[in-house]
Amino acid sequence: MSQPKTISFPERSPVHDVLKSIDRVYVLVFAIFMGIAILAPGQVVPLGTLTLTNLAHTSMYMIIAIFLLAAIKATGAETMVASVFKGRENRMIVLAALVGGLAPFCSCEVIPFIAGLLALGTPLAPIMAFWLSSPLIDPPTLLITAGALGWKFAIGKSVFAVALGIGGGFAVKYLTVAGYLSNPLKTQNAQQVSSCCSPQIEIPMVDSCASEEKKAEGKPVWIFWKEQSRRTTFVSEFKSNALFLLKWMLFAYTLESLMIEYVPAERIASVVGGEGVTAIIISALVGIPAYLNSYIAPPVVSSLVDQGMSIGSGMAFIIAGAISSIPAMTAVYALVRREVFATYVMLGFSGAVLSGFIYKFIG
């Protein structure tokens, strides 16, 4: 009796593994310059030089930002965020907006944290204050923004972030008192929420009867280099954040170079270059779907401003994109009830427009 034939599949080659390990963003940048080399060979060197020059200009800010991000993780300082959501509601709203400016969460990463707080029964008002301010600014983003758009713009954005958080928090408080935003969470037992930035983040449920020793475990250790595990965390985070920032900043400055070279300034000016409120509203509307994370957005906005976008429109664009990106809104819609979702979007959009309008006069 003949033995059945077995089908053998060829093993993956080392070249396949290497190609698979290369990040798609680097592949995209390479493809862009390959396209330029084919279609306009004479522009490869000028565009490449402009991209690398701008990247080098921001490198010092990037190094400081990477250090801060790694240190926050190594010390465990992010655990301090939860302590803000204790006490009187008015105090919580103000502190949540202020701490939101220090917490290194993007509009996607903040959602699992928010889900945990909602599941614990934390009032929606301080959560909304943190929710609105956190994606807008943090120390690393402040440095990147300052490097691309100047310290005046970066500080202005920080002020607007906190003001938007506080204003949104108190607006939600009064809406809740009026009975419009009660019971905000769609499912009350969500302890794990998928994020569009990371596959899944677990939100630990806090036990009110936990021992004092367990509570102390959440305190940050500022002198982290004395512990091997924290040193390892610092090195690991420094490396991963360096690769992350290098990747996205290279992509951002590649886009900036292309925009400077190929996008007519008159076209940008015709859409968002006016000095009126209409241009600011349009910029905020464009900023919502055109999600650029807080590291990519400053160089792109800098290029848009150089080509005719008003500084107020630039502020509206960068704030709207950070708060109300489509990936973030998708996750929010799955998490909270429709009235809470609508409030979140309206506060983010109106805050972006108002910030742009104010900055147009002070900028």
Foldseek 3Di string as FASTA:
>chain_A
DDDDDDDDDDDDDPVVVVVVPDDVLVVVLVVVLVVCCVVPVVCSVVLVVQLVVLVVLLVVLLLVLLLVQLLCVLQLVLLVLVVLLDDDLLSSQLVLLVVLQADQAFLFRCVLVLLLCVLQVRDVLSSQLSNQLNNQHHSSLLSLLCSQPNNVLSVLSNVLSSVLSSVLSVVVVVCVVVPNCPPWWPDNPDQWAQTPVDGIDGHDHDDPPDDPVVVVVSGTDNPSVVDPVSVVSSVVSSVVSSVVLVSLSSSLSSVLSCCLPPPQLVVLCVQQQDLDLNSLLSLLVVLAAPADGSNNLSNNLSSSVVSRHQPLSSQLSSQSNRNRHPSSLVRVPNTTPPSVSVSSNVSSNVSSSVSSNVVSVVD
